[in-house]
Protein backbone atom coordinates (compact mmCIF):
# COMPACT_ATOMS: atom_id res chain seq x y z
CA MET A 1 -2.98 26.23 -43.36
CA TYR A 2 -5.22 23.93 -41.06
CA ARG A 3 -6.41 20.79 -42.72
CA GLY A 4 -8.40 19.26 -39.87
CA TYR A 5 -5.89 16.59 -38.97
CA ILE A 6 -6.15 14.99 -35.57
CA VAL A 7 -2.88 14.78 -33.69
CA THR A 8 -2.62 11.83 -31.29
CA SER A 9 0.21 10.97 -28.96
CA PRO A 10 1.94 7.68 -29.61
CA LEU A 11 2.61 7.56 -25.93
CA PRO A 12 0.32 5.55 -23.61
CA LEU A 13 -1.67 7.32 -20.81
CA PRO A 14 0.06 7.25 -17.46
CA LEU A 15 -1.34 5.59 -14.44
CA PRO A 16 -2.91 7.74 -11.72
CA GLY A 17 -0.33 9.50 -9.71
CA THR A 18 2.61 8.81 -12.11
CA LYS A 19 4.42 11.05 -14.63
CA SER A 20 4.03 10.52 -18.34
CA ALA A 21 6.91 10.59 -20.79
CA LEU A 22 6.27 14.19 -21.11
CA GLY A 23 6.40 14.90 -17.38
CA ILE A 24 2.78 15.49 -16.83
CA THR A 25 1.39 14.18 -13.62
CA SER A 26 -2.16 12.56 -13.72
CA PRO A 27 -4.39 13.81 -11.14
CA MET A 28 -4.19 12.06 -7.63
CA PRO A 29 -4.12 13.59 -4.23
CA ARG A 30 -0.74 13.66 -2.48
CA LEU A 31 -0.49 11.53 0.45
CA SER A 32 0.70 12.87 3.81
CA GLY A 33 3.69 11.43 5.60
CA LEU A 34 1.53 9.20 7.90
CA GLN A 35 -0.51 7.86 4.97
CA ARG A 36 2.65 6.96 3.06
CA ASP A 37 3.85 5.17 6.33
CA VAL A 38 0.67 3.41 6.60
CA LEU A 39 0.79 2.20 2.93
CA HIS A 40 4.52 1.28 3.27
CA LEU A 41 3.67 -0.86 6.27
CA TYR A 42 0.83 -2.64 4.42
CA ARG A 43 3.09 -3.34 1.51
CA ARG A 44 5.66 -4.77 3.71
CA CYS A 45 3.01 -6.97 5.33
CA LEU A 46 2.15 -8.30 1.88
CA ARG A 47 5.73 -8.79 0.86
CA ALA A 48 6.42 -10.75 4.25
CA CYS A 49 3.46 -12.94 3.25
CA ARG A 50 5.22 -14.16 0.25
CA THR A 51 8.04 -15.59 2.40
CA LYS A 52 5.71 -17.93 4.19
CA PRO A 53 4.81 -21.50 3.16
CA ALA A 54 2.23 -21.64 0.22
CA ASP A 55 -0.32 -23.46 2.34
CA THR A 56 -0.57 -20.93 5.06
CA ARG A 57 0.27 -17.74 3.01
CA THR A 58 -3.57 -16.83 2.78
CA ASN A 59 -3.69 -16.83 6.55
CA PHE A 60 -1.17 -14.22 6.81
CA GLU A 61 -2.71 -12.14 3.93
CA ASP A 62 -6.10 -12.30 5.57
CA PHE A 63 -4.87 -11.30 8.90
CA ALA A 64 -2.97 -8.35 7.53
CA ARG A 65 -5.94 -7.20 5.46
CA ARG A 66 -8.28 -7.53 8.53
CA GLU A 67 -6.06 -5.68 10.73
CA PHE A 68 -5.90 -2.74 8.44
CA GLU A 69 -9.54 -2.81 7.63
CA ARG A 70 -10.39 -2.66 11.38
CA HIS A 71 -9.07 0.87 11.60
CA ILE A 72 -10.12 2.10 8.08
CA HIS A 73 -12.61 4.54 9.32
CA MET A 74 -10.29 6.07 11.86
CA ASP A 75 -10.11 9.92 11.78
CA LYS A 76 -7.22 11.06 9.69
CA LYS A 77 -6.35 13.82 12.24
CA ASP A 78 -5.99 11.34 15.05
CA PHE A 79 -2.18 11.44 14.64
CA GLY A 80 -1.41 9.91 18.15
CA THR A 81 -3.43 6.74 17.52
CA ILE A 82 -2.13 6.37 13.86
CA GLU A 83 1.40 6.58 15.18
CA PHE A 84 0.79 4.07 17.85
CA LEU A 85 -0.92 1.72 15.41
CA LEU A 86 2.12 2.10 13.19
CA ARG A 87 4.59 1.15 15.97
CA LYS A 88 2.39 -1.78 17.08
CA GLY A 89 2.17 -2.91 13.40
CA ASN A 90 5.75 -2.63 12.74
CA ARG A 91 6.50 -4.65 16.03
CA GLN A 92 4.06 -7.41 15.05
CA LEU A 93 5.67 -7.50 11.49
CA GLU A 94 9.00 -7.95 12.96
CA ILE A 95 7.68 -11.01 14.98
CA TYR A 96 5.74 -12.53 11.88
CA GLU A 97 8.75 -11.99 9.60
CA SER A 98 10.82 -14.38 11.57
CA PRO A 99 11.35 -17.83 9.76
CA GLY A 100 9.92 -19.68 12.78
CA VAL A 101 6.53 -18.39 12.27
CA THR A 102 4.89 -20.49 9.68
CA ASN A 103 1.24 -19.99 10.40
CA ILE A 104 -1.12 -17.52 12.10
CA ALA A 105 -4.39 -17.71 13.76
CA GLY A 106 -7.15 -15.44 12.61
């Protein structure tokens, strides 16, 4: 017999794109391989900023943000340009990750 009880889950709601304890994925569009590569490069850039001196760290963070924002309106189907920019960004990151680089001019 139904008594009108409300059943609530003791589990917290999942973040977008993650699975809950029940295995339910919240709605978030899947990323393409190139989109994942771009996101991975951006995260690597931000992690590399953490290794720089505290007084110049914001210069590195601002530079990385500006470089990615410069191309934010690029056509998602322009694969050649995106792949070129990924290669260029990875090369730049290798240089900026070196311990001898302590500041960057914006």
